[in-house]
Each structure stands twice: as C-alpha cells, then as structure tokens.
Amino acid sequence: MRVRLVLAVFTALSALSATACSTGGRPAALSAPLSAASPTAPVIAPGRPGEAARTLGADEAATAVPTPTANAADVRYAQDMIVHHRQALEMATLALTHAGDPTVRALASRIRDSQGPEIQVMSRWLTEQGMRLPDHHTNHGAMPGMATPEQLGALAAASGPEFDRLFLRLMTAHHRGAITMSAEVLTNGSHLRIEEMANEIATVQAGEIRRMARLLASP
C-alpha cells in the first residue's frame, strides 16, 4: 500500500511538473494506533468481496499487521513536519490579508484549517512517545521545500497579484517538500499513526499542488 501510494503521488506530480514547464478538505481524523497482536492470538484477515476471511499464521501476521512501535525515522518526521507546517501557517496567514485573489485566500484558509490540527496531532504523538517538541528556532535549512528568510520577507512585502503569484510558487515548493518527507518516512518508519499521517499529508498536498498549478496558469 505504501509503495503504491508513493508511486501514485510522485507520478502525478511528475506529470504536473512537465505540464508546468511546457505551459509556464480537510484530512480525515486519524485513527488510534493498533495494539500489537499477541503471539498466540489469531489474526483474521478479511477476504476480498465474495471470499471468506482467513486466519493468518504467526509469520504472515507479523508482516501483515503494522507495528505500533516508533523508530527514529518516525520521530524525526513528526519533529520536522511540525516545523515545516509552522512555516506553511506563516505563509497562509499572510495570504489572508495580502492576497488579491479570493481563491488564493480560500486556499490559504484551507491550509491553515488542516495543518494547524496536524501540528497538534504530531505534538501529542511526540509527547506520548516521550520525545521532545521542536522549538520555534529549529534550524530547518536541510528540510525540503522550506522558504528562505529572504523569500518570506519578499512575500510579506508583496500584495495583490504579485503576492498571489509568489505565494503560489513558494507554497507549491513547500508542499513538494512535505511530500518528499512523507515518502521517506513511509519507506523508513514503522509506526502506524505516522504512516497514516504521512499518507494523508501526501494525498492532500498533492491535490493542493494541482489546484495551485491551475491558479498559476490562469490569466
């Protein structure tokens, strides 16, 4: 499932990038993590439509049921994504007063409405794991898609159509960075809740990238 989703997202974005070069809702609530299956308890796998459920053997169940145990990749993803989201909220907040196009303001509002609660979920998860929360002065130079201080300054100084174009370009790059980070944790992470979060972020932000590409292409 992880591989199919990541391939689908990157294939769609690659096609979108090619088009851009040639032409110039809110996430669902996350479910609680599954408890680890007892070594002696049977694990029932539902069958496909028209097929009966079947009981998995111990070895098969170990690979079929995602582990609720976090590893370093999960922790780093949550910490880094909180910082990543904070910058998106900063840009989206600017759009509410600087954007000229009401569609851009509506998009910025949706970004705030989705990423604000995601920060809360990831912060709560880190606390549950006994891990530190990132402070507001965390160095984010290595995170993909992050805007530089100079770019943020230019965005804050802009307004109207100039702001709209710069916001859409910066937020598109920012979303692509979040998708890259999500793809990495889907490959290297192990915790079910982080897998769910990464899948949701990749899917939602890929859809927003497509909407921003249409806005950039419009006259």
N, C-alpha and C. Protein backbone atom coordinates (compact mmCIF):
# COMPACT_ATOMS: atom_id res chain seq x y z
N MET A 1 0.84 -1.21 0.00
CA MET A 1 0.00 0.00 0.00
C MET A 1 0.87 1.25 0.00
N ARG A 2 1.97 1.23 0.86
CA ARG A 2 2.85 2.38 0.90
C ARG A 2 3.45 2.67 -0.46
N VAL A 3 3.98 1.62 -1.08
CA VAL A 3 4.67 1.82 -2.35
C VAL A 3 3.72 2.33 -3.41
N ARG A 4 2.51 1.75 -3.47
CA ARG A 4 1.56 2.19 -4.49
C ARG A 4 1.20 3.65 -4.30
N LEU A 5 0.98 4.09 -3.05
CA LEU A 5 0.60 5.48 -2.82
C LEU A 5 1.73 6.42 -3.20
N VAL A 6 2.95 6.09 -2.75
CA VAL A 6 4.07 6.97 -3.05
C VAL A 6 4.30 7.07 -4.54
N LEU A 7 4.23 5.94 -5.25
CA LEU A 7 4.40 5.97 -6.70
C LEU A 7 3.31 6.79 -7.36
N ALA A 8 2.08 6.65 -6.87
CA ALA A 8 0.98 7.39 -7.48
C ALA A 8 1.16 8.88 -7.29
N VAL A 9 1.56 9.29 -6.09
CA VAL A 9 1.74 10.71 -5.82
C VAL A 9 2.86 11.28 -6.68
N PHE A 10 4.00 10.59 -6.71
CA PHE A 10 5.13 11.13 -7.46
C PHE A 10 4.89 11.07 -8.96
N THR A 11 4.16 10.08 -9.43
CA THR A 11 3.83 10.04 -10.86
C THR A 11 2.95 11.21 -11.23
N ALA A 12 1.95 11.49 -10.38
CA ALA A 12 1.06 12.61 -10.66
C ALA A 12 1.81 13.93 -10.63
N LEU A 13 2.70 14.10 -9.66
CA LEU A 13 3.43 15.35 -9.56
C LEU A 13 4.45 15.50 -10.68
N SER A 14 5.04 14.39 -11.13
CA SER A 14 5.96 14.47 -12.25
C SER A 14 5.25 14.92 -13.52
N ALA A 15 4.06 14.39 -13.72
CA ALA A 15 3.27 14.81 -14.88
C ALA A 15 2.89 16.28 -14.77
N LEU A 16 2.58 16.73 -13.55
CA LEU A 16 2.22 18.12 -13.34
C LEU A 16 3.41 19.03 -13.61
N SER A 17 4.60 18.61 -13.19
CA SER A 17 5.80 19.41 -13.42
C SER A 17 6.06 19.56 -14.91
N ALA A 18 5.87 18.48 -15.66
CA ALA A 18 6.10 18.54 -17.10
C ALA A 18 5.13 19.51 -17.75
N THR A 19 3.89 19.50 -17.30
CA THR A 19 2.90 20.42 -17.86
C THR A 19 3.25 21.85 -17.53
N ALA A 20 3.68 22.09 -16.25
CA ALA A 20 4.02 23.46 -15.85
C ALA A 20 5.19 23.99 -16.65
N CYS A 21 6.18 23.13 -16.93
CA CYS A 21 7.35 23.57 -17.67
C CYS A 21 7.00 23.91 -19.11
N SER A 22 6.04 23.19 -19.68
CA SER A 22 5.71 23.42 -21.08
C SER A 22 4.75 24.57 -21.26
N THR A 23 3.94 24.87 -20.22
CA THR A 23 2.94 25.93 -20.32
C THR A 23 3.27 27.09 -19.42
N GLY A 24 4.24 27.06 -18.80
CA GLY A 24 4.57 28.11 -17.84
C GLY A 24 3.80 27.77 -16.50
N GLY A 25 -9.97 19.51 1.80
CA GLY A 25 -10.83 19.21 2.78
C GLY A 25 -10.16 18.77 3.93
N ARG A 26 -10.33 18.89 4.06
CA ARG A 26 -9.73 18.69 5.37
C ARG A 26 -9.45 17.22 5.56
N PRO A 27 -8.20 16.86 6.14
CA PRO A 27 -7.88 15.46 6.32
C PRO A 27 -8.86 14.78 7.26
N ALA A 28 -9.07 13.50 6.95
CA ALA A 28 -9.92 12.73 7.83
C ALA A 28 -9.23 12.53 9.17
N ALA A 29 -10.00 12.34 10.25
CA ALA A 29 -9.41 12.14 11.56
C ALA A 29 -8.57 10.88 11.56
N LEU A 30 -7.47 10.93 12.31
CA LEU A 30 -6.59 9.78 12.37
C LEU A 30 -7.14 8.78 13.37
N SER A 31 -7.03 7.54 13.03
CA SER A 31 -7.48 6.51 13.95
C SER A 31 -6.39 6.23 14.95
N ALA A 32 -6.77 5.64 16.09
CA ALA A 32 -5.79 5.29 17.11
C ALA A 32 -4.92 4.16 16.62
N PRO A 33 -3.66 4.07 17.11
CA PRO A 33 -2.78 3.00 16.66
C PRO A 33 -3.30 1.65 17.08
N LEU A 34 -3.05 0.62 16.29
CA LEU A 34 -3.44 -0.72 16.62
C LEU A 34 -2.57 -1.26 17.72
N SER A 35 -3.12 -2.10 18.57
CA SER A 35 -2.32 -2.76 19.59
C SER A 35 -1.59 -3.92 18.96
N ALA A 36 -0.41 -4.23 19.51
CA ALA A 36 0.34 -5.35 18.97
C ALA A 36 -0.42 -6.63 19.20
N ALA A 37 -0.43 -7.51 18.22
CA ALA A 37 -1.15 -8.77 18.34
C ALA A 37 -0.39 -9.71 19.26
N SER A 38 -1.12 -10.43 20.10
CA SER A 38 -0.49 -11.43 20.95
C SER A 38 0.07 -12.55 20.09
N PRO A 39 1.25 -13.12 20.45
CA PRO A 39 1.84 -14.17 19.64
C PRO A 39 0.93 -15.37 19.47
N THR A 40 0.01 -15.59 20.45
CA THR A 40 -0.85 -16.76 20.36
C THR A 40 -2.26 -16.42 19.88
N ALA A 41 -2.57 -15.15 19.76
CA ALA A 41 -3.91 -14.76 19.33
C ALA A 41 -4.02 -14.85 17.82
N PRO A 42 -5.13 -15.40 17.31
CA PRO A 42 -5.28 -15.49 15.86
C PRO A 42 -5.49 -14.11 15.25
N VAL A 43 -4.96 -13.90 14.07
CA VAL A 43 -5.16 -12.66 13.33
C VAL A 43 -6.01 -12.99 12.12
N ILE A 44 -7.18 -12.35 12.03
CA ILE A 44 -8.12 -12.64 10.96
C ILE A 44 -7.97 -11.58 9.87
N ALA A 45 -7.73 -12.02 8.65
CA ALA A 45 -7.62 -11.11 7.51
C ALA A 45 -8.91 -11.20 6.71
N PRO A 46 -9.66 -10.10 6.56
CA PRO A 46 -10.90 -10.15 5.77
C PRO A 46 -10.59 -10.48 4.32
N GLY A 47 -11.46 -11.28 3.71
CA GLY A 47 -11.26 -11.63 2.31
C GLY A 47 -11.77 -10.55 1.38
N ARG A 48 -11.42 -10.68 0.12
CA ARG A 48 -11.94 -9.76 -0.88
C ARG A 48 -13.43 -10.05 -1.11
N PRO A 49 -14.13 -9.14 -1.78
CA PRO A 49 -15.57 -9.35 -1.99
C PRO A 49 -15.85 -10.74 -2.55
N GLY A 50 -16.74 -11.47 -1.87
CA GLY A 50 -17.09 -12.81 -2.30
C GLY A 50 -16.21 -13.90 -1.73
N GLU A 51 -15.16 -13.53 -0.99
CA GLU A 51 -14.25 -14.50 -0.42
C GLU A 51 -14.37 -14.49 1.10
N ALA A 52 -14.12 -15.65 1.70
CA ALA A 52 -14.19 -15.76 3.15
C ALA A 52 -12.93 -15.20 3.79
N ALA A 53 -13.07 -14.77 5.06
CA ALA A 53 -11.90 -14.33 5.81
C ALA A 53 -11.02 -15.54 6.11
N ARG A 54 -9.74 -15.27 6.39
CA ARG A 54 -8.84 -16.37 6.70
C ARG A 54 -7.97 -16.00 7.90
N THR A 55 -7.50 -17.01 8.59
CA THR A 55 -6.63 -16.81 9.74
C THR A 55 -5.18 -16.84 9.28
N LEU A 56 -4.42 -15.82 9.68
CA LEU A 56 -3.03 -15.72 9.28
C LEU A 56 -2.14 -16.45 10.27
N GLY A 57 -1.10 -17.11 9.76
CA GLY A 57 -0.10 -17.72 10.62
C GLY A 57 0.73 -16.65 11.29
N ALA A 58 1.53 -17.05 12.29
CA ALA A 58 2.31 -16.07 13.07
C ALA A 58 3.27 -15.29 12.20
N ASP A 59 3.98 -15.96 11.31
CA ASP A 59 4.95 -15.25 10.46
C ASP A 59 4.26 -14.29 9.51
N GLU A 60 3.14 -14.75 8.91
CA GLU A 60 2.40 -13.91 7.97
C GLU A 60 1.78 -12.72 8.68
N ALA A 61 1.27 -12.93 9.90
CA ALA A 61 0.64 -11.84 10.64
C ALA A 61 1.64 -10.77 11.01
N ALA A 62 2.89 -11.18 11.28
CA ALA A 62 3.91 -10.21 11.69
C ALA A 62 4.18 -9.19 10.60
N THR A 63 4.04 -9.61 9.36
CA THR A 63 4.26 -8.68 8.25
C THR A 63 2.97 -8.03 7.79
N ALA A 64 1.83 -8.62 8.08
CA ALA A 64 0.55 -8.07 7.62
C ALA A 64 0.04 -6.98 8.53
N VAL A 65 0.36 -7.03 9.82
CA VAL A 65 -0.16 -6.07 10.79
C VAL A 65 0.92 -5.02 11.06
N PRO A 66 0.66 -3.75 10.75
CA PRO A 66 1.68 -2.72 11.00
C PRO A 66 2.03 -2.63 12.48
N THR A 67 3.30 -2.42 12.79
CA THR A 67 3.74 -2.34 14.17
C THR A 67 3.41 -0.98 14.77
N PRO A 68 3.01 -0.93 16.05
CA PRO A 68 2.77 0.36 16.69
C PRO A 68 4.03 0.95 17.30
N THR A 69 5.17 0.32 17.11
CA THR A 69 6.42 0.79 17.72
C THR A 69 7.07 1.85 16.85
N ALA A 70 7.44 2.97 17.47
CA ALA A 70 8.08 4.06 16.74
C ALA A 70 9.57 3.82 16.60
N ASN A 71 10.14 4.30 15.51
CA ASN A 71 11.59 4.29 15.37
C ASN A 71 12.08 5.72 15.14
N ALA A 72 13.39 5.87 14.92
CA ALA A 72 13.97 7.21 14.79
C ALA A 72 13.40 7.97 13.60
N ALA A 73 13.09 7.27 12.50
CA ALA A 73 12.53 7.93 11.33
C ALA A 73 11.16 8.54 11.62
N ASP A 74 10.34 7.83 12.41
CA ASP A 74 9.03 8.35 12.79
C ASP A 74 9.16 9.62 13.62
N VAL A 75 10.06 9.59 14.60
CA VAL A 75 10.23 10.73 15.49
C VAL A 75 10.74 11.94 14.72
N ARG A 76 11.74 11.71 13.88
CA ARG A 76 12.29 12.83 13.12
C ARG A 76 11.23 13.42 12.18
N TYR A 77 10.42 12.56 11.57
CA TYR A 77 9.37 13.06 10.67
C TYR A 77 8.42 13.97 11.42
N ALA A 78 7.94 13.53 12.58
CA ALA A 78 6.98 14.33 13.34
C ALA A 78 7.61 15.65 13.77
N GLN A 79 8.85 15.61 14.26
CA GLN A 79 9.51 16.85 14.68
C GLN A 79 9.72 17.81 13.52
N ASP A 80 10.22 17.26 12.40
CA ASP A 80 10.49 18.12 11.24
C ASP A 80 9.21 18.64 10.60
N MET A 81 8.17 17.79 10.55
CA MET A 81 6.94 18.22 9.90
C MET A 81 6.23 19.30 10.70
N ILE A 82 6.38 19.28 12.02
CA ILE A 82 5.81 20.36 12.82
C ILE A 82 6.43 21.69 12.41
N VAL A 83 7.76 21.71 12.28
CA VAL A 83 8.45 22.93 11.86
C VAL A 83 8.04 23.31 10.44
N HIS A 84 7.94 22.32 9.57
CA HIS A 84 7.55 22.54 8.18
C HIS A 84 6.15 23.15 8.12
N HIS A 85 5.24 22.59 8.88
CA HIS A 85 3.86 23.10 8.91
C HIS A 85 3.80 24.52 9.47
N ARG A 86 4.62 24.81 10.47
CA ARG A 86 4.60 26.15 11.05
C ARG A 86 4.88 27.21 9.98
N GLN A 87 5.83 26.92 9.10
CA GLN A 87 6.12 27.90 8.05
C GLN A 87 4.95 28.02 7.08
N ALA A 88 4.30 26.90 6.77
CA ALA A 88 3.13 26.96 5.90
C ALA A 88 2.04 27.83 6.52
N LEU A 89 1.85 27.70 7.83
CA LEU A 89 0.85 28.53 8.51
C LEU A 89 1.24 30.00 8.46
N GLU A 90 2.54 30.28 8.57
CA GLU A 90 3.00 31.67 8.49
C GLU A 90 2.67 32.26 7.11
N MET A 91 2.93 31.51 6.06
CA MET A 91 2.63 32.00 4.72
C MET A 91 1.13 32.10 4.48
N ALA A 92 0.39 31.12 4.98
CA ALA A 92 -1.06 31.14 4.79
C ALA A 92 -1.70 32.31 5.53
N THR A 93 -1.18 32.64 6.70
CA THR A 93 -1.71 33.77 7.46
C THR A 93 -1.49 35.08 6.71
N LEU A 94 -0.32 35.22 6.08
CA LEU A 94 -0.06 36.41 5.27
C LEU A 94 -1.08 36.52 4.13
N ALA A 95 -1.42 35.38 3.54
CA ALA A 95 -2.33 35.39 2.39
C ALA A 95 -3.70 35.91 2.75
N LEU A 96 -4.12 35.72 3.99
CA LEU A 96 -5.45 36.15 4.37
C LEU A 96 -5.62 37.67 4.30
N THR A 97 -4.50 38.41 4.38
CA THR A 97 -4.58 39.87 4.33
C THR A 97 -3.86 40.47 3.13
N HIS A 98 -2.99 39.71 2.47
CA HIS A 98 -2.19 40.26 1.37
C HIS A 98 -2.65 39.78 -0.01
N ALA A 99 -3.35 38.66 -0.07
CA ALA A 99 -3.72 38.09 -1.37
C ALA A 99 -4.77 38.96 -2.06
N GLY A 100 -4.67 39.02 -3.39
CA GLY A 100 -5.66 39.77 -4.15
C GLY A 100 -6.79 38.89 -4.65
N ASP A 101 -6.50 37.63 -4.92
CA ASP A 101 -7.48 36.70 -5.46
C ASP A 101 -8.20 35.99 -4.32
N PRO A 102 -9.53 36.06 -4.26
CA PRO A 102 -10.25 35.38 -3.18
C PRO A 102 -10.05 33.87 -3.19
N THR A 103 -9.75 33.29 -4.36
CA THR A 103 -9.48 31.86 -4.43
C THR A 103 -8.20 31.51 -3.71
N VAL A 104 -7.20 32.39 -3.82
CA VAL A 104 -5.94 32.18 -3.10
C VAL A 104 -6.18 32.29 -1.60
N ARG A 105 -6.98 33.27 -1.18
CA ARG A 105 -7.29 33.38 0.24
C ARG A 105 -8.03 32.15 0.76
N ALA A 106 -8.94 31.62 -0.05
CA ALA A 106 -9.68 30.42 0.36
C ALA A 106 -8.74 29.23 0.50
N LEU A 107 -7.80 29.11 -0.45
CA LEU A 107 -6.82 28.03 -0.37
C LEU A 107 -5.97 28.16 0.89
N ALA A 108 -5.51 29.39 1.17
CA ALA A 108 -4.71 29.62 2.37
C ALA A 108 -5.49 29.27 3.63
N SER A 109 -6.76 29.59 3.64
CA SER A 109 -7.60 29.26 4.80
C SER A 109 -7.70 27.75 4.99
N ARG A 110 -7.83 27.01 3.89
CA ARG A 110 -7.90 25.54 3.98
C ARG A 110 -6.58 24.97 4.51
N ILE A 111 -5.47 25.56 4.06
CA ILE A 111 -4.16 25.09 4.53
C ILE A 111 -4.05 25.30 6.04
N ARG A 112 -4.48 26.46 6.51
CA ARG A 112 -4.44 26.71 7.96
C ARG A 112 -5.36 25.75 8.71
N ASP A 113 -6.54 25.51 8.17
CA ASP A 113 -7.50 24.65 8.85
C ASP A 113 -7.05 23.20 8.93
N SER A 114 -6.23 22.75 7.98
CA SER A 114 -5.76 21.36 8.00
C SER A 114 -4.44 21.21 8.73
N GLN A 115 -3.50 22.13 8.48
CA GLN A 115 -2.17 21.93 9.04
C GLN A 115 -2.07 22.33 10.52
N GLY A 116 -2.91 23.26 10.96
CA GLY A 116 -2.93 23.58 12.39
C GLY A 116 -3.27 22.36 13.24
N PRO A 117 -4.37 21.67 12.97
CA PRO A 117 -4.69 20.46 13.73
C PRO A 117 -3.64 19.35 13.57
N GLU A 118 -3.01 19.26 12.39
CA GLU A 118 -1.97 18.25 12.20
C GLU A 118 -0.78 18.51 13.12
N ILE A 119 -0.44 19.77 13.33
CA ILE A 119 0.63 20.10 14.28
C ILE A 119 0.25 19.60 15.67
N GLN A 120 -1.01 19.79 16.06
CA GLN A 120 -1.46 19.35 17.37
C GLN A 120 -1.37 17.83 17.50
N VAL A 121 -1.76 17.11 16.45
CA VAL A 121 -1.71 15.65 16.48
C VAL A 121 -0.27 15.17 16.61
N MET A 122 0.63 15.74 15.81
CA MET A 122 2.03 15.30 15.86
C MET A 122 2.68 15.69 17.19
N SER A 123 2.32 16.84 17.73
CA SER A 123 2.85 17.25 19.04
C SER A 123 2.39 16.28 20.13
N ARG A 124 1.12 15.93 20.09
CA ARG A 124 0.59 14.99 21.09
C ARG A 124 1.27 13.62 20.95
N TRP A 125 1.48 13.18 19.71
CA TRP A 125 2.13 11.89 19.49
C TRP A 125 3.56 11.91 20.04
N LEU A 126 4.31 12.97 19.79
CA LEU A 126 5.68 13.06 20.31
C LEU A 126 5.67 13.02 21.84
N THR A 127 4.72 13.71 22.45
CA THR A 127 4.63 13.70 23.90
C THR A 127 4.34 12.29 24.41
N GLU A 128 3.44 11.58 23.74
CA GLU A 128 3.12 10.20 24.12
C GLU A 128 4.35 9.30 24.03
N GLN A 129 5.21 9.59 23.07
CA GLN A 129 6.42 8.78 22.88
C GLN A 129 7.56 9.22 23.80
N GLY A 130 7.34 10.27 24.58
CA GLY A 130 8.38 10.77 25.46
C GLY A 130 9.47 11.53 24.74
N MET A 131 9.15 12.08 23.56
CA MET A 131 10.13 12.79 22.74
C MET A 131 9.90 14.30 22.82
N ARG A 132 10.95 15.04 22.56
CA ARG A 132 10.88 16.50 22.67
C ARG A 132 10.09 17.09 21.50
N LEU A 133 9.49 18.23 21.76
CA LEU A 133 8.84 19.01 20.71
C LEU A 133 9.86 19.99 20.14
N PRO A 134 9.83 20.25 18.84
CA PRO A 134 10.78 21.20 18.27
C PRO A 134 10.43 22.62 18.71
N ASP A 135 11.47 23.42 19.00
CA ASP A 135 11.20 24.79 19.37
C ASP A 135 11.05 25.64 18.10
N HIS A 136 10.78 26.90 18.29
CA HIS A 136 10.49 27.77 17.15
C HIS A 136 11.75 28.30 16.49
N HIS A 137 12.91 27.92 17.03
CA HIS A 137 14.17 28.38 16.45
C HIS A 137 14.95 27.21 15.85
N THR A 138 14.25 26.10 15.57
CA THR A 138 14.90 24.94 14.99
C THR A 138 15.47 25.27 13.63
N ASN A 139 16.70 24.82 13.38
CA ASN A 139 17.32 25.03 12.08
C ASN A 139 16.63 24.14 11.05
N HIS A 140 16.05 24.75 10.01
CA HIS A 140 15.31 23.97 9.02
C HIS A 140 15.95 24.04 7.64
N GLY A 141 17.23 24.39 7.60
CA GLY A 141 17.87 24.57 6.30
C GLY A 141 17.90 23.32 5.45
N ALA A 142 17.93 22.14 6.10
CA ALA A 142 18.02 20.90 5.34
C ALA A 142 16.66 20.34 4.95
N MET A 143 15.58 20.94 5.42
CA MET A 143 14.25 20.41 5.10
C MET A 143 13.85 20.81 3.69
N PRO A 144 13.35 19.87 2.90
CA PRO A 144 12.98 20.21 1.52
C PRO A 144 11.78 21.13 1.45
N GLY A 145 11.86 22.09 0.53
CA GLY A 145 10.72 22.96 0.25
C GLY A 145 10.59 24.18 1.12
N MET A 146 11.43 24.32 2.13
CA MET A 146 11.28 25.47 3.04
C MET A 146 11.70 26.76 2.35
N ALA A 147 10.92 27.81 2.56
CA ALA A 147 11.26 29.13 2.03
C ALA A 147 12.38 29.75 2.86
N THR A 148 13.24 30.53 2.21
CA THR A 148 14.32 31.20 2.91
C THR A 148 13.78 32.45 3.61
N PRO A 149 14.54 33.00 4.58
CA PRO A 149 14.09 34.25 5.20
C PRO A 149 13.89 35.37 4.18
N GLU A 150 14.74 35.40 3.16
CA GLU A 150 14.60 36.42 2.12
C GLU A 150 13.30 36.25 1.34
N GLN A 151 12.95 35.01 1.03
CA GLN A 151 11.70 34.75 0.31
C GLN A 151 10.49 35.12 1.17
N LEU A 152 10.56 34.81 2.45
CA LEU A 152 9.45 35.18 3.34
C LEU A 152 9.34 36.69 3.46
N GLY A 153 10.47 37.38 3.48
CA GLY A 153 10.43 38.84 3.54
C GLY A 153 9.80 39.43 2.29
N ALA A 154 10.16 38.86 1.14
CA ALA A 154 9.56 39.35 -0.12
C ALA A 154 8.07 39.08 -0.15
N LEU A 155 7.66 37.94 0.40
CA LEU A 155 6.23 37.60 0.43
C LEU A 155 5.48 38.59 1.33
N ALA A 156 6.05 38.90 2.48
CA ALA A 156 5.39 39.82 3.41
C ALA A 156 5.29 41.23 2.83
N ALA A 157 6.24 41.58 1.95
CA ALA A 157 6.24 42.93 1.37
C ALA A 157 5.32 43.05 0.15
N ALA A 158 4.87 41.92 -0.38
CA ALA A 158 4.04 41.93 -1.59
C ALA A 158 2.57 42.02 -1.24
N SER A 159 1.77 42.34 -2.25
CA SER A 159 0.31 42.35 -2.08
C SER A 159 -0.34 42.21 -3.45
N GLY A 160 -1.61 41.87 -3.43
CA GLY A 160 -2.36 41.74 -4.68
C GLY A 160 -1.84 40.64 -5.58
N PRO A 161 -1.91 40.83 -6.88
CA PRO A 161 -1.49 39.79 -7.83
C PRO A 161 -0.03 39.37 -7.65
N GLU A 162 0.84 40.32 -7.29
CA GLU A 162 2.25 39.96 -7.07
C GLU A 162 2.37 38.98 -5.91
N PHE A 163 1.63 39.24 -4.84
CA PHE A 163 1.63 38.31 -3.70
C PHE A 163 1.09 36.95 -4.12
N ASP A 164 -0.01 36.96 -4.87
CA ASP A 164 -0.64 35.70 -5.26
C ASP A 164 0.35 34.80 -5.99
N ARG A 165 1.05 35.37 -6.97
CA ARG A 165 1.99 34.55 -7.76
C ARG A 165 3.13 34.02 -6.89
N LEU A 166 3.69 34.87 -6.03
CA LEU A 166 4.80 34.44 -5.18
C LEU A 166 4.33 33.41 -4.16
N PHE A 167 3.17 33.64 -3.57
CA PHE A 167 2.63 32.69 -2.60
C PHE A 167 2.43 31.31 -3.24
N LEU A 168 1.83 31.28 -4.41
CA LEU A 168 1.56 30.00 -5.07
C LEU A 168 2.85 29.27 -5.41
N ARG A 169 3.86 30.01 -5.86
CA ARG A 169 5.14 29.35 -6.18
C ARG A 169 5.82 28.81 -4.92
N LEU A 170 5.85 29.63 -3.87
CA LEU A 170 6.51 29.19 -2.64
C LEU A 170 5.75 28.04 -1.98
N MET A 171 4.42 28.11 -1.97
CA MET A 171 3.64 27.06 -1.33
C MET A 171 3.70 25.77 -2.13
N THR A 172 3.78 25.87 -3.44
CA THR A 172 3.93 24.65 -4.25
C THR A 172 5.24 23.96 -3.91
N ALA A 173 6.34 24.71 -3.84
CA ALA A 173 7.63 24.12 -3.47
C ALA A 173 7.57 23.55 -2.05
N HIS A 174 6.88 24.25 -1.17
CA HIS A 174 6.74 23.80 0.22
C HIS A 174 5.99 22.48 0.28
N HIS A 175 4.90 22.37 -0.45
CA HIS A 175 4.13 21.12 -0.48
C HIS A 175 4.94 19.98 -1.07
N ARG A 176 5.69 20.25 -2.12
CA ARG A 176 6.53 19.19 -2.70
C ARG A 176 7.53 18.68 -1.67
N GLY A 177 8.06 19.60 -0.86
CA GLY A 177 8.97 19.17 0.19
C GLY A 177 8.29 18.27 1.21
N ALA A 178 7.06 18.60 1.58
CA ALA A 178 6.33 17.77 2.54
C ALA A 178 6.07 16.38 1.97
N ILE A 179 5.78 16.30 0.68
CA ILE A 179 5.55 15.00 0.05
C ILE A 179 6.84 14.18 0.03
N THR A 180 7.96 14.84 -0.22
CA THR A 180 9.25 14.14 -0.18
C THR A 180 9.52 13.58 1.22
N MET A 181 9.27 14.38 2.24
CA MET A 181 9.46 13.93 3.62
C MET A 181 8.52 12.77 3.95
N SER A 182 7.29 12.83 3.46
CA SER A 182 6.33 11.76 3.71
C SER A 182 6.76 10.47 3.03
N ALA A 183 7.27 10.58 1.82
CA ALA A 183 7.74 9.39 1.10
C ALA A 183 8.88 8.72 1.85
N GLU A 184 9.75 9.53 2.44
CA GLU A 184 10.89 8.98 3.17
C GLU A 184 10.44 8.21 4.41
N VAL A 185 9.48 8.78 5.18
CA VAL A 185 9.06 8.08 6.39
C VAL A 185 8.21 6.85 6.05
N LEU A 186 7.50 6.87 4.93
CA LEU A 186 6.75 5.67 4.53
C LEU A 186 7.68 4.53 4.18
N THR A 187 8.90 4.86 3.76
CA THR A 187 9.89 3.83 3.47
C THR A 187 10.63 3.38 4.72
N ASN A 188 10.95 4.33 5.61
CA ASN A 188 11.84 4.02 6.73
C ASN A 188 11.17 3.96 8.09
N GLY A 189 9.94 4.48 8.21
CA GLY A 189 9.27 4.50 9.51
C GLY A 189 8.61 3.16 9.83
N SER A 190 8.03 3.08 11.05
CA SER A 190 7.41 1.83 11.46
C SER A 190 6.11 2.01 12.24
N HIS A 191 5.74 3.23 12.60
CA HIS A 191 4.57 3.43 13.45
C HIS A 191 3.32 3.70 12.61
N LEU A 192 2.24 3.01 12.97
CA LEU A 192 1.01 3.09 12.19
C LEU A 192 0.46 4.51 12.12
N ARG A 193 0.47 5.24 13.24
CA ARG A 193 -0.12 6.58 13.21
C ARG A 193 0.68 7.52 12.32
N ILE A 194 2.00 7.39 12.32
CA ILE A 194 2.81 8.21 11.45
C ILE A 194 2.60 7.81 9.99
N GLU A 195 2.43 6.53 9.73
CA GLU A 195 2.11 6.08 8.37
C GLU A 195 0.81 6.72 7.89
N GLU A 196 -0.21 6.73 8.74
CA GLU A 196 -1.49 7.34 8.39
C GLU A 196 -1.32 8.83 8.12
N MET A 197 -0.58 9.50 9.00
CA MET A 197 -0.37 10.93 8.84
C MET A 197 0.37 11.24 7.54
N ALA A 198 1.44 10.49 7.26
CA ALA A 198 2.23 10.74 6.06
C ALA A 198 1.41 10.49 4.80
N ASN A 199 0.60 9.44 4.80
CA ASN A 199 -0.28 9.18 3.66
C ASN A 199 -1.26 10.33 3.46
N GLU A 200 -1.84 10.81 4.56
CA GLU A 200 -2.83 11.89 4.46
C GLU A 200 -2.19 13.17 3.95
N ILE A 201 -1.03 13.50 4.50
CA ILE A 201 -0.34 14.73 4.08
C ILE A 201 0.02 14.66 2.61
N ALA A 202 0.58 13.53 2.17
CA ALA A 202 0.97 13.39 0.76
C ALA A 202 -0.23 13.52 -0.16
N THR A 203 -1.34 12.90 0.20
CA THR A 203 -2.53 12.92 -0.66
C THR A 203 -3.15 14.32 -0.73
N VAL A 204 -3.35 14.94 0.44
CA VAL A 204 -3.99 16.26 0.48
C VAL A 204 -3.13 17.30 -0.21
N GLN A 205 -1.84 17.29 0.07
CA GLN A 205 -0.98 18.33 -0.50
C GLN A 205 -0.76 18.13 -2.00
N ALA A 206 -0.79 16.90 -2.48
CA ALA A 206 -0.73 16.68 -3.93
C ALA A 206 -1.94 17.30 -4.62
N GLY A 207 -3.11 17.17 -4.00
CA GLY A 207 -4.31 17.79 -4.56
C GLY A 207 -4.21 19.31 -4.55
N GLU A 208 -3.64 19.87 -3.48
CA GLU A 208 -3.49 21.32 -3.41
C GLU A 208 -2.46 21.83 -4.43
N ILE A 209 -1.44 21.04 -4.69
CA ILE A 209 -0.46 21.42 -5.72
C ILE A 209 -1.15 21.52 -7.09
N ARG A 210 -2.03 20.59 -7.36
CA ARG A 210 -2.75 20.65 -8.64
C ARG A 210 -3.62 21.90 -8.73
N ARG A 211 -4.28 22.26 -7.63
CA ARG A 211 -5.10 23.48 -7.64
C ARG A 211 -4.23 24.73 -7.81
N MET A 212 -3.07 24.75 -7.16
CA MET A 212 -2.19 25.91 -7.30
C MET A 212 -1.62 26.02 -8.71
N ALA A 213 -1.37 24.90 -9.37
CA ALA A 213 -0.88 24.93 -10.74
C ALA A 213 -1.93 25.53 -11.66
N ARG A 214 -3.20 25.21 -11.42
CA ARG A 214 -4.27 25.78 -12.24
C ARG A 214 -4.37 27.28 -12.01
N LEU A 215 -4.21 27.72 -10.76
CA LEU A 215 -4.28 29.14 -10.45
C LEU A 215 -3.11 29.89 -11.12
N LEU A 216 -1.93 29.31 -11.09
CA LEU A 216 -0.76 29.95 -11.70
C LEU A 216 -0.91 30.03 -13.22
N ALA A 217 -1.59 29.05 -13.79
CA ALA A 217 -1.75 29.02 -15.25
C ALA A 217 -2.88 29.92 -15.72
N SER A 218 -3.75 30.33 -14.81
CA SER A 218 -4.87 31.18 -15.24
C SER A 218 -4.40 32.60 -15.49
N PRO A 219 -5.04 33.33 -16.42
CA PRO A 219 -4.64 34.69 -16.73
C PRO A 219 -4.83 35.64 -15.56
